[in-house]
PDB file of N, CA and C in Angstrom:
ATOM      1  N   MET A   1      11.032 -15.387  17.919  1.00  0.00           N
ATOM      2  CA  MET A   1      11.019 -13.955  18.210  1.00  0.00           C
ATOM      3  C   MET A   1      11.562 -13.193  17.084  1.00  0.00           C
ATOM      4  N   THR A   2      10.831 -12.068  16.663  1.00  0.00           N
ATOM      5  CA  THR A   2      11.319 -11.265  15.635  1.00  0.00           C
ATOM      6  C   THR A   2      11.979 -10.188  16.067  1.00  0.00           C
ATOM      7  N   LYS A   3      13.191  -9.868  15.425  1.00  0.00           N
ATOM      8  CA  LYS A   3      14.047  -8.856  15.763  1.00  0.00           C
ATOM      9  C   LYS A   3      13.740  -7.687  14.778  1.00  0.00           C
ATOM     10  N   HIS A   4      13.421  -6.422  15.291  1.00  0.00           N
ATOM     11  CA  HIS A   4      13.173  -5.210  14.323  1.00  0.00           C
ATOM     12  C   HIS A   4      14.478  -4.450  14.473  1.00  0.00           C
ATOM     13  N   THR A   5      14.565  -3.891  13.105  1.00  0.00           N
ATOM     14  CA  THR A   5      15.724  -2.813  12.961  1.00  0.00           C
ATOM     15  C   THR A   5      15.130  -1.395  13.031  1.00  0.00           C
ATOM     16  N   LYS A   6      15.696  -0.580  13.871  1.00  0.00           N
ATOM     17  CA  LYS A   6      15.261   0.685  13.907  1.00  0.00           C
ATOM     18  C   LYS A   6      16.254   1.669  13.070  1.00  0.00           C
ATOM     19  N   LEU A   7      15.540   2.488  12.394  1.00  0.00           N
ATOM     20  CA  LEU A   7      16.247   3.492  11.600  1.00  0.00           C
ATOM     21  C   LEU A   7      16.093   4.958  11.972  1.00  0.00           C
ATOM     22  N   THR A   8      17.133   5.496  12.245  1.00  0.00           N
ATOM     23  CA  THR A   8      17.105   6.964  12.854  1.00  0.00           C
ATOM     24  C   THR A   8      18.030   7.735  11.905  1.00  0.00           C
ATOM     25  N   LEU A   9      17.475   8.992  11.424  1.00  0.00           N
ATOM     26  CA  LEU A   9      18.434   9.678  10.609  1.00  0.00           C
ATOM     27  C   LEU A   9      17.996  11.290  10.812  1.00  0.00           C
ATOM     28  N   ARG A  10      18.964  12.033  10.460  1.00  0.00           N
ATOM     29  CA  ARG A  10      18.874  13.531  10.713  1.00  0.00           C
ATOM     30  C   ARG A  10      18.765  14.201   9.308  1.00  0.00           C
ATOM     31  N   LEU A  11      17.795  15.049   9.177  1.00  0.00           N
ATOM     32  CA  LEU A  11      17.592  15.869   8.078  1.00  0.00           C
ATOM     33  C   LEU A  11      18.048  17.313   8.308  1.00  0.00           C
ATOM     34  N   HIS A  12      18.838  17.689   7.458  1.00  0.00           N
ATOM     35  CA  HIS A  12      19.276  19.177   7.520  1.00  0.00           C
ATOM     36  C   HIS A  12      18.396  20.061   6.573  1.00  0.00           C
ATOM     37  N   PRO A  13      17.817  21.092   7.112  1.00  0.00           N
ATOM     38  CA  PRO A  13      16.953  21.979   6.253  1.00  0.00           C
ATOM     39  C   PRO A  13      17.628  22.603   5.023  1.00  0.00           C
ATOM     40  N   ASP A  14      18.926  22.916   5.205  1.00  0.00           N
ATOM     41  CA  ASP A  14      19.502  23.385   3.957  1.00  0.00           C
ATOM     42  C   ASP A  14      19.817  22.224   2.796  1.00  0.00           C
ATOM     43  N   ARG A  15      20.193  21.067   3.254  1.00  0.00           N
ATOM     44  CA  ARG A  15      20.510  20.001   2.253  1.00  0.00           C
ATOM     45  C   ARG A  15      19.274  19.068   1.858  1.00  0.00           C
ATOM     46  N   ASP A  16      18.463  18.947   2.795  1.00  0.00           N
ATOM     47  CA  ASP A  16      17.347  17.900   2.784  1.00  0.00           C
ATOM     48  C   ASP A  16      15.861  18.578   2.637  1.00  0.00           C
ATOM     49  N   ALA A  17      15.653  19.675   2.222  1.00  0.00           N
ATOM     50  CA  ALA A  17      14.495  20.364   2.263  1.00  0.00           C
ATOM     51  C   ALA A  17      13.494  19.523   1.391  1.00  0.00           C
ATOM     52  N   ASP A  18      13.845  18.833   0.393  1.00  0.00           N
ATOM     53  CA  ASP A  18      12.944  18.159  -0.446  1.00  0.00           C
ATOM     54  C   ASP A  18      12.523  17.011   0.411  1.00  0.00           C
ATOM     55  N   LEU A  19      13.382  16.260   1.226  1.00  0.00           N
ATOM     56  CA  LEU A  19      12.848  15.107   1.952  1.00  0.00           C
ATOM     57  C   LEU A  19      12.039  15.582   3.143  1.00  0.00           C
ATOM     58  N   ILE A  20      12.255  16.672   3.669  1.00  0.00           N
ATOM     59  CA  ILE A  20      11.485  17.203   4.797  1.00  0.00           C
ATOM     60  C   ILE A  20      10.184  17.499   4.285  1.00  0.00           C
ATOM     61  N   ARG A  21       9.958  18.042   2.989  1.00  0.00           N
ATOM     62  CA  ARG A  21       8.568  18.348   2.541  1.00  0.00           C
ATOM     63  C   ARG A  21       7.817  17.001   2.326  1.00  0.00           C
ATOM     64  N   TRP A  22       8.758  16.111   1.722  1.00  0.00           N
ATOM     65  CA  TRP A  22       8.044  14.847   1.426  1.00  0.00           C
ATOM     66  C   TRP A  22       7.460  14.118   2.647  1.00  0.00           C
ATOM     67  N   LEU A  23       8.349  14.147   3.641  1.00  0.00           N
ATOM     68  CA  LEU A  23       7.874  13.368   4.943  1.00  0.00           C
ATOM     69  C   LEU A  23       6.738  14.099   5.609  1.00  0.00           C
ATOM     70  N   ALA A  24       6.702  15.507   5.612  1.00  0.00           N
ATOM     71  CA  ALA A  24       5.589  16.211   6.089  1.00  0.00           C
ATOM     72  C   ALA A  24       4.200  16.001   5.199  1.00  0.00           C
ATOM     73  N   SER A  25       4.523  15.573   3.969  1.00  0.00           N
ATOM     74  CA  SER A  25       3.218  15.328   3.160  1.00  0.00           C
ATOM     75  C   SER A  25       2.641  14.025   3.577  1.00  0.00           C
ATOM     76  N   LEU A  26       3.368  13.169   4.412  1.00  0.00           N
ATOM     77  CA  LEU A  26       2.857  11.760   4.869  1.00  0.00           C
ATOM     78  C   LEU A  26       2.223  12.040   6.355  1.00  0.00           C
ATOM     79  N   ASP A  27       2.316  13.016   6.874  1.00  0.00           N
ATOM     80  CA  ASP A  27       1.842  13.259   8.323  1.00  0.00           C
ATOM     81  C   ASP A  27       0.259  13.004   8.325  1.00  0.00           C
ATOM     82  N   ASP A  28      -0.506  13.071   7.409  1.00  0.00           N
ATOM     83  CA  ASP A  28      -1.790  12.953   7.598  1.00  0.00           C
ATOM     84  C   ASP A  28      -2.434  11.586   7.144  1.00  0.00           C
ATOM     85  N   LEU A  29      -1.484  10.720   6.878  1.00  0.00           N
ATOM     86  CA  LEU A  29      -1.873   9.335   6.416  1.00  0.00           C
ATOM     87  C   LEU A  29      -2.369   8.716   7.661  1.00  0.00           C
ATOM     88  N   PRO A  30      -3.354   7.500   7.560  1.00  0.00           N
ATOM     89  CA  PRO A  30      -3.777   6.720   8.648  1.00  0.00           C
ATOM     90  C   PRO A  30      -2.640   5.956   9.299  1.00  0.00           C
ATOM     91  N   PHE A  31      -2.792   5.643  10.549  1.00  0.00           N
ATOM     92  CA  PHE A  31      -1.814   4.778  11.312  1.00  0.00           C
ATOM     93  C   PHE A  31      -1.194   3.727  10.491  1.00  0.00           C
ATOM     94  N   GLY A  32       0.024   3.773  10.342  1.00  0.00           N
ATOM     95  CA  GLY A  32       0.722   2.512   9.731  1.00  0.00           C
ATOM     96  C   GLY A  32       1.126   2.862   8.280  1.00  0.00           C
ATOM     97  N   GLN A  33       0.323   3.870   7.652  1.00  0.00           N
ATOM     98  CA  GLN A  33       0.536   4.232   6.310  1.00  0.00           C
ATOM     99  C   GLN A  33       1.854   4.983   6.060  1.00  0.00           C
ATOM    100  N   LYS A  34       2.258   5.775   6.920  1.00  0.00           N
ATOM    101  CA  LYS A  34       3.559   6.489   6.800  1.00  0.00           C
ATOM    102  C   LYS A  34       4.626   5.672   6.580  1.00  0.00           C
ATOM    103  N   GLY A  35       4.863   4.764   7.551  1.00  0.00           N
ATOM    104  CA  GLY A  35       5.938   3.764   7.430  1.00  0.00           C
ATOM    105  C   GLY A  35       6.029   2.913   6.227  1.00  0.00           C
ATOM    106  N   ARG A  36       4.787   2.490   5.799  1.00  0.00           N
ATOM    107  CA  ARG A  36       4.718   1.729   4.553  1.00  0.00           C
ATOM    108  C   ARG A  36       5.102   2.559   3.364  1.00  0.00           C
ATOM    109  N   ALA A  37       4.677   3.973   3.369  1.00  0.00           N
ATOM    110  CA  ALA A  37       5.185   4.827   2.171  1.00  0.00           C
ATOM    111  C   ALA A  37       6.682   4.886   2.350  1.00  0.00           C
ATOM    112  N   ILE A  38       7.339   5.056   3.320  1.00  0.00           N
ATOM    113  CA  ILE A  38       8.877   5.303   3.426  1.00  0.00           C
ATOM    114  C   ILE A  38       9.409   3.915   2.978  1.00  0.00           C
ATOM    115  N   LYS A  39       8.869   2.664   3.262  1.00  0.00           N
ATOM    116  CA  LYS A  39       9.473   1.449   2.979  1.00  0.00           C
ATOM    117  C   LYS A  39       9.421   1.318   1.518  1.00  0.00           C
ATOM    118  N   GLU A  40       8.256   1.681   0.965  1.00  0.00           N
ATOM    119  CA  GLU A  40       7.997   1.424  -0.379  1.00  0.00           C
ATOM    120  C   GLU A  40       8.925   2.288  -1.248  1.00  0.00           C
ATOM    121  N   THR A  41       9.203   3.656  -0.785  1.00  0.00           N
ATOM    122  CA  THR A  41      10.114   4.403  -1.404  1.00  0.00           C
ATOM    123  C   THR A  41      11.485   3.990  -1.375  1.00  0.00           C
ATOM    124  N   LEU A  42      11.845   3.402  -0.378  1.00  0.00           N
ATOM    125  CA  LEU A  42      13.262   2.831  -0.203  1.00  0.00           C
ATOM    126  C   LEU A  42      13.350   1.586  -1.157  1.00  0.00           C
ATOM    127  N   ARG A  43      12.464   0.850  -1.181  1.00  0.00           N
ATOM    128  CA  ARG A  43      12.432  -0.239  -2.158  1.00  0.00           C
ATOM    129  C   ARG A  43      12.532   0.119  -3.605  1.00  0.00           C
ATOM    130  N   ARG A  44      11.802   1.288  -4.044  1.00  0.00           N
ATOM    131  CA  ARG A  44      11.835   1.586  -5.327  1.00  0.00           C
ATOM    132  C   ARG A  44      13.227   2.149  -5.624  1.00  0.00           C
ATOM    133  N   GLY A  45      13.834   2.836  -4.528  1.00  0.00           N
ATOM    134  CA  GLY A  45      15.210   3.236  -4.837  1.00  0.00           C
ATOM    135  C   GLY A  45      16.200   2.141  -4.963  1.00  0.00           C
ATOM    136  N   LEU A  46      15.922   0.909  -4.529  1.00  0.00           N
ATOM    137  CA  LEU A  46      16.749  -0.033  -4.782  1.00  0.00           C
ATOM    138  C   LEU A  46      16.421  -0.868  -5.958  1.00  0.00           C
ATOM    139  N   GLY A  47      15.284  -0.487  -6.627  1.00  0.00           N
ATOM    140  CA  GLY A  47      14.971  -1.100  -7.808  1.00  0.00           C
ATOM    141  C   GLY A  47      13.958  -2.227  -7.597  1.00  0.00           C
ATOM    142  N   GLN A  48      13.540  -2.293  -6.416  1.00  0.00           N
ATOM    143  CA  GLN A  48      12.580  -3.539  -6.209  1.00  0.00           C
ATOM    144  C   GLN A  48      11.167  -3.075  -6.243  1.00  0.00           C
ATOM    145  N   GLN A  49      10.257  -4.054  -6.443  1.00  0.00           N
ATOM    146  CA  GLN A  49       8.829  -3.766  -6.431  1.00  0.00           C
ATOM    147  C   GLN A  49       8.328  -3.681  -4.986  1.00  0.00           C
ATOM    148  N   PRO A  50       7.445  -2.764  -4.615  1.00  0.00           N
ATOM    149  CA  PRO A  50       6.982  -2.738  -3.332  1.00  0.00           C
ATOM    150  C   PRO A  50       6.202  -4.054  -2.991  1.00  0.00           C
ATOM    151  N   GLU A  51       6.205  -4.497  -1.752  1.00  0.00           N
ATOM    152  CA  GLU A  51       5.587  -5.646  -1.357  1.00  0.00           C
ATOM    153  C   GLU A  51       4.103  -5.269  -1.393  1.00  0.00           C
ATOM    154  N   PRO A  52       3.208  -6.379  -1.849  1.00  0.00           N
ATOM    155  CA  PRO A  52       1.880  -6.104  -1.812  1.00  0.00           C
ATOM    156  C   PRO A  52       1.390  -5.955  -0.333  1.00  0.00           C
ATOM    157  N   VAL A  53       0.399  -5.113  -0.117  1.00  0.00           N
ATOM    158  CA  VAL A  53      -0.022  -4.891   1.337  1.00  0.00           C
ATOM    159  C   VAL A  53      -1.294  -5.982   1.582  1.00  0.00           C
ATOM    160  N   PRO A  54      -1.033  -6.686   2.640  1.00  0.00           N
ATOM    161  CA  PRO A  54      -2.072  -7.681   2.904  1.00  0.00           C
ATOM    162  C   PRO A  54      -3.511  -6.914   3.217  1.00  0.00           C
ATOM    163  N   ASP A  55      -4.507  -7.569   2.826  1.00  0.00           N
ATOM    164  CA  ASP A  55      -5.900  -6.985   3.096  1.00  0.00           C
ATOM    165  C   ASP A  55      -6.090  -6.671   4.632  1.00  0.00           C
ATOM    166  N   ALA A  56      -5.589  -7.648   5.470  1.00  0.00           N
ATOM    167  CA  ALA A  56      -5.753  -7.467   6.904  1.00  0.00           C
ATOM    168  C   ALA A  56      -5.123  -6.225   7.318  1.00  0.00           C
ATOM    169  N   GLU A  57      -3.876  -5.846   6.950  1.00  0.00           N
ATOM    170  CA  GLU A  57      -3.171  -4.597   7.376  1.00  0.00           C
ATOM    171  C   GLU A  57      -4.043  -3.472   6.906  1.00  0.00           C
ATOM    172  N   MET A  58      -4.333  -3.315   5.689  1.00  0.00           N
ATOM    173  CA  MET A  58      -5.404  -2.237   5.362  1.00  0.00           C
ATOM    174  C   MET A  58      -6.606  -2.104   6.199  1.00  0.00           C
ATOM    175  N   LEU A  59      -7.159  -3.378   6.435  1.00  0.00           N
ATOM    176  CA  LEU A  59      -8.424  -3.290   7.416  1.00  0.00           C
ATOM    177  C   LEU A  59      -8.052  -2.776   8.731  1.00  0.00           C
ATOM    178  N   LEU A  60      -6.891  -3.179   9.357  1.00  0.00           N
ATOM    179  CA  LEU A  60      -6.466  -2.772  10.503  1.00  0.00           C
ATOM    180  C   LEU A  60      -6.383  -1.247  10.663  1.00  0.00           C
ATOM    181  N   ALA A  61      -5.716  -0.667   9.760  1.00  0.00           N
ATOM    182  CA  ALA A  61      -5.624   0.802   9.572  1.00  0.00           C
ATOM    183  C   ALA A  61      -6.983   1.512   9.549  1.00  0.00           C
ATOM    184  N   ASP A  62      -7.912   0.928   8.749  1.00  0.00           N
ATOM    185  CA  ASP A  62      -9.388   1.410   8.679  1.00  0.00           C
ATOM    186  C   ASP A  62     -10.024   1.314  10.012  1.00  0.00           C
ATOM    187  N   ILE A  63      -9.902   0.006  10.683  1.00  0.00           N
ATOM    188  CA  ILE A  63     -10.437  -0.051  11.969  1.00  0.00           C
ATOM    189  C   ILE A  63      -9.986   1.003  13.025  1.00  0.00           C
ATOM    190  N   ARG A  64      -8.738   1.163  13.004  1.00  0.00           N
ATOM    191  CA  ARG A  64      -8.097   2.089  14.016  1.00  0.00           C
ATOM    192  C   ARG A  64      -8.703   3.455  13.693  1.00  0.00           C
ATOM    193  N   ALA A  65      -8.736   3.850  12.418  1.00  0.00           N
ATOM    194  CA  ALA A  65      -9.303   5.171  12.147  1.00  0.00           C
ATOM    195  C   ALA A  65     -10.703   5.287  12.631  1.00  0.00           C
ATOM    196  N   VAL A  66     -11.689   4.333  12.395  1.00  0.00           N
ATOM    197  CA  VAL A  66     -12.988   4.473  12.907  1.00  0.00           C
ATOM    198  C   VAL A  66     -13.088   4.371  14.521  1.00  0.00           C
ATOM    199  N   VAL A  67     -12.271   3.676  15.115  1.00  0.00           N
ATOM    200  CA  VAL A  67     -12.178   3.713  16.554  1.00  0.00           C
ATOM    201  C   VAL A  67     -11.750   5.095  17.200  1.00  0.00           C
ATOM    202  N   GLU A  68     -10.769   5.488  16.547  1.00  0.00           N
ATOM    203  CA  GLU A  68     -10.254   6.798  17.052  1.00  0.00           C
ATOM    204  C   GLU A  68     -11.229   7.935  16.838  1.00  0.00           C
ATOM    205  N   SER A  69     -12.011   7.958  15.608  1.00  0.00           N
ATOM    206  CA  SER A  69     -13.117   8.854  15.447  1.00  0.00           C
ATOM    207  C   SER A  69     -14.107   8.777  16.601  1.00  0.00           C
ATOM    208  N   ALA A  70     -14.566   7.443  16.745  1.00  0.00           N
ATOM    209  CA  ALA A  70     -15.751   7.192  17.748  1.00  0.00           C
ATOM    210  C   ALA A  70     -15.260   7.646  19.090  1.00  0.00           C
ATOM    211  N   VAL A  71     -13.901   7.460  19.540  1.00  0.00           N
ATOM    212  CA  VAL A  71     -13.582   7.990  20.810  1.00  0.00           C
ATOM    213  C   VAL A  71     -13.382   9.310  20.881  1.00  0.00           C
ATOM    214  N   GLN A  72     -13.063  10.129  19.793  1.00  0.00           N
ATOM    215  CA  GLN A  72     -13.100  11.582  19.835  1.00  0.00           C
ATOM    216  C   GLN A  72     -14.442  12.027  19.967  1.00  0.00           C
ATOM    217  N   GLN A  73     -15.429  11.467  19.163  1.00  0.00           N
ATOM    218  CA  GLN A  73     -16.916  11.905  19.273  1.00  0.00           C
ATOM    219  C   GLN A  73     -17.392  11.704  20.776  1.00  0.00           C
ATOM    220  N   ALA A  74     -16.980  10.396  21.421  1.00  0.00           N
ATOM    221  CA  ALA A  74     -17.521  10.160  22.570  1.00  0.00           C
ATOM    222  C   ALA A  74     -17.085  11.253  23.668  1.00  0.00           C
ATOM    223  N   LEU A  75     -15.695  11.511  23.580  1.00  0.00           N
ATOM    224  CA  LEU A  75     -15.142  12.462  24.611  1.00  0.00           C
ATOM    225  C   LEU A  75     -15.690  13.989  24.314  1.00  0.00           C
ATOM    226  N   ALA A  76     -16.114  14.202  23.099  1.00  0.00           N
ATOM    227  CA  ALA A  76     -16.570  15.580  22.905  1.00  0.00           C
ATOM    228  C   ALA A  76     -18.009  15.681  23.155  1.00  0.00           C
ATOM    229  N   GLY A  77     -18.739  14.497  23.631  1.00  0.00           N
ATOM    230  CA  GLY A  77     -20.162  14.437  24.026  1.00  0.00           C
ATOM    231  C   GLY A  77     -20.987  14.223  22.908  1.00  0.00           C
ATOM    232  N   GLY A  78     -20.473  13.736  21.737  1.00  0.00           N
ATOM    233  CA  GLY A  78     -21.272  13.490  20.549  1.00  0.00           C
ATOM    234  C   GLY A  78     -21.967  12.311  20.418  1.00  0.00           C
ATOM    235  N   VAL A  79     -21.697  11.273  21.523  1.00  0.00           N
ATOM    236  CA  VAL A  79     -22.344  10.063  21.535  1.00  0.00           C
ATOM    237  C   VAL A  79     -23.028   9.682  22.772  1.00  0.00           C
ATOM    238  N   SER A  80     -24.253   9.293  22.653  1.00  0.00           N
ATOM    239  CA  SER A  80     -25.264   9.029  23.793  1.00  0.00           C
ATOM    240  C   SER A  80     -25.406   7.603  23.795  1.00  0.00           C
ATOM    241  N   ILE A  81     -25.485   6.985  25.044  1.00  0.00           N
ATOM    242  CA  ILE A  81     -25.844   5.559  25.180  1.00  0.00           C
ATOM    243  C   ILE A  81     -27.050   5.480  25.829  1.00  0.00           C
ATOM    244  N   THR A  82     -27.932   4.720  25.363  1.00  0.00           N
ATOM    245  CA  THR A  82     -29.339   4.358  25.876  1.00  0.00           C
ATOM    246  C   THR A  82     -29.275   2.960  26.463  1.00  0.00           C
ATOM    247  N   PRO A  83     -29.632   2.992  27.708  1.00  0.00           N
ATOM    248  CA  PRO A  83     -29.751   1.536  28.257  1.00  0.00           C
ATOM    249  C   PRO A  83     -30.938   0.642  27.679  1.00  0.00           C
ATOM    250  N   SER A  84     -30.467  -0.635  27.658  1.00  0.00           N
ATOM    251  CA  SER A  84     -31.522  -1.635  27.060  1.00  0.00           C
ATOM    252  C   SER A  84     -32.762  -1.570  27.831  1.00  0.00           C
ATOM    253  N   SER A  85     -33.803  -1.858  27.037  1.00  0.00           N
ATOM    254  CA  SER A  85     -35.089  -1.826  27.490  1.00  0.00           C
ATOM    255  C   SER A  85     -35.514  -3.219  28.206  1.00  0.00           C
ATOM    256  N   THR A  86     -34.604  -4.231  27.978  1.00  0.00           N
ATOM    257  CA  THR A  86     -35.070  -5.579  28.545  1.00  0.00           C
ATOM    258  C   THR A  86     -34.405  -5.644  29.752  1.00  0.00           C
ATOM    259  N   PRO A  87     -35.095  -5.721  30.958  1.00  0.00           N
ATOM    260  CA  PRO A  87     -34.625  -5.835  32.196  1.00  0.00           C
ATOM    261  C   PRO A  87     -33.972  -7.217  32.484  1.00  0.00           C
ATOM    262  N   ASP A  88     -34.261  -8.252  31.619  1.00  0.00           N
ATOM    263  CA  ASP A  88     -33.920  -9.599  31.986  1.00  0.00           C
ATOM    264  C   ASP A  88     -32.366  -9.716  31.914  1.00  0.00           C
ATOM    265  N   ASP A  89     -31.667  -9.002  31.080  1.00  0.00           N
ATOM    266  CA  ASP A  89     -30.351  -9.042  30.785  1.00  0.00           C
ATOM    267  C   ASP A  89     -29.556  -8.083  31.803  1.00  0.00           C
ATOM    268  N   THR A  90     -30.332  -7.135  32.496  1.00  0.00           N
ATOM    269  CA  THR A  90     -29.634  -6.232  33.384  1.00  0.00           C
ATOM    270  C   THR A  90     -28.888  -6.871  34.465  1.00  0.00           C
ATOM    271  N   ASP A  91     -29.302  -7.777  35.164  1.00  0.00           N
ATOM    272  CA  ASP A  91     -28.657  -8.601  36.220  1.00  0.00           C
ATOM    273  C   ASP A  91     -27.510  -9.283  35.982  1.00  0.00           C
ATOM    274  N   GLU A  92     -27.581 -10.064  34.667  1.00  0.00           N
ATOM    275  CA  GLU A  92     -26.420 -10.776  34.205  1.00  0.00           C
ATOM    276  C   GLU A  92     -25.339  -9.774  33.817  1.00  0.00           C
ATOM    277  N   THR A  93     -25.557  -8.700  33.041  1.00  0.00           N
ATOM    278  CA  THR A  93     -24.744  -7.778  32.676  1.00  0.00           C
ATOM    279  C   THR A  93     -24.020  -7.049  33.854  1.00  0.00           C
ATOM    280  N   ASP A  94     -24.841  -6.692  34.892  1.00  0.00           N
ATOM    281  CA  ASP A  94     -24.309  -6.057  36.109  1.00  0.00           C
ATOM    282  C   ASP A  94     -23.215  -6.933  36.697  1.00  0.00           C
ATOM    283  N   ALA A  95     -23.671  -8.331  36.885  1.00  0.00           N
ATOM    284  CA  ALA A  95     -22.667  -9.281  37.332  1.00  0.00           C
ATOM    285  C   ALA A  95     -21.547  -9.397  36.794  1.00  0.00           C
ATOM    286  N   LEU A  96     -21.471  -9.519  35.451  1.00  0.00           N
ATOM    287  CA  LEU A  96     -20.266  -9.607  34.541  1.00  0.00           C
ATOM    288  C   LEU A  96     -19.463  -8.291  34.743  1.00  0.00           C
ATOM    289  N   LEU A  97     -20.101  -7.141  34.696  1.00  0.00           N
ATOM    290  CA  LEU A  97     -19.258  -5.929  34.786  1.00  0.00           C
ATOM    291  C   LEU A  97     -18.663  -5.853  36.173  1.00  0.00           C
ATOM    292  N   ASP A  98     -19.439  -6.403  37.302  1.00  0.00           N
ATOM    293  CA  ASP A  98     -18.817  -6.328  38.662  1.00  0.00           C
ATOM    294  C   ASP A  98     -17.643  -7.373  38.690  1.00  0.00           C
ATOM    295  N   GLN A  99     -17.604  -8.366  37.882  1.00  0.00           N
ATOM    296  CA  GLN A  99     -16.462  -9.387  37.906  1.00  0.00           C
ATOM    297  C   GLN A  99     -15.221  -8.572  37.224  1.00  0.00           C
ATOM    298  N   LEU A 100     -15.416  -7.863  36.381  1.00  0.00           N
ATOM    299  CA  LEU A 100     -14.412  -7.134  35.692  1.00  0.00           C
ATOM    300  C   LEU A 100     -13.548  -6.138  36.658  1.00  0.00           C
ATOM    301  N   GLY A 101     -14.326  -5.559  37.466  1.00  0.00           N
ATOM    302  CA  GLY A 101     -13.873  -4.651  38.617  1.00  0.00           C
ATOM    303  C   GLY A 101     -13.080  -3.543  37.932  1.00  0.00           C
ATOM    304  N   ASP A 102     -11.774  -3.417  38.443  1.00  0.00           N
ATOM    305  CA  ASP A 102     -10.912  -2.346  38.104  1.00  0.00           C
ATOM    306  C   ASP A 102     -10.229  -2.741  36.523  1.00  0.00           C
ATOM    307  N   GLN A 103     -10.341  -3.833  36.165  1.00  0.00           N
ATOM    308  CA  GLN A 103      -9.641  -4.332  34.807  1.00  0.00           C
ATOM    309  C   GLN A 103     -10.241  -3.612  33.627  1.00  0.00           C
ATOM    310  N   LEU A 104     -11.414  -2.962  33.741  1.00  0.00           N
ATOM    311  CA  LEU A 104     -12.218  -2.500  32.662  1.00  0.00           C
ATOM    312  C   LEU A 104     -11.493  -1.087  32.353  1.00  0.00           C
ATOM    313  N   MET A 105     -10.818  -0.840  31.320  1.00  0.00           N
ATOM    314  CA  MET A 105     -10.093   0.569  31.088  1.00  0.00           C
ATOM    315  C   MET A 105     -10.335   0.824  29.637  1.00  0.00           C
ATOM    316  N   LEU A 106     -10.368   2.027  29.266  1.00  0.00           N
ATOM    317  CA  LEU A 106     -10.361   2.384  27.895  1.00  0.00           C
ATOM    318  C   LEU A 106      -8.936   2.785  27.557  1.00  0.00           C
TER     319      LEU A 106
END
């Protein structure tokens, strides 16, 4: 089991305006990138090299961005779903969906 350490700090507008601006500049980063940027900056402050980012971690952020975009489009009515033209699979698909029951959630 992994134990995580949580960091909480207060920034005061009169003394920490530069840090507040820097943090605000990170708000538009994809999921997970803001935390990574903060960690890299802390490591540079300690004189350490930032850890290389695994490809899977970058891919996960990209996948999340694509899924979020698709969900937003679907909710806005920008996506249409056309039923399959092969009736052979319909019965099997309906049976599988019936088995899922209320467990199917977005």
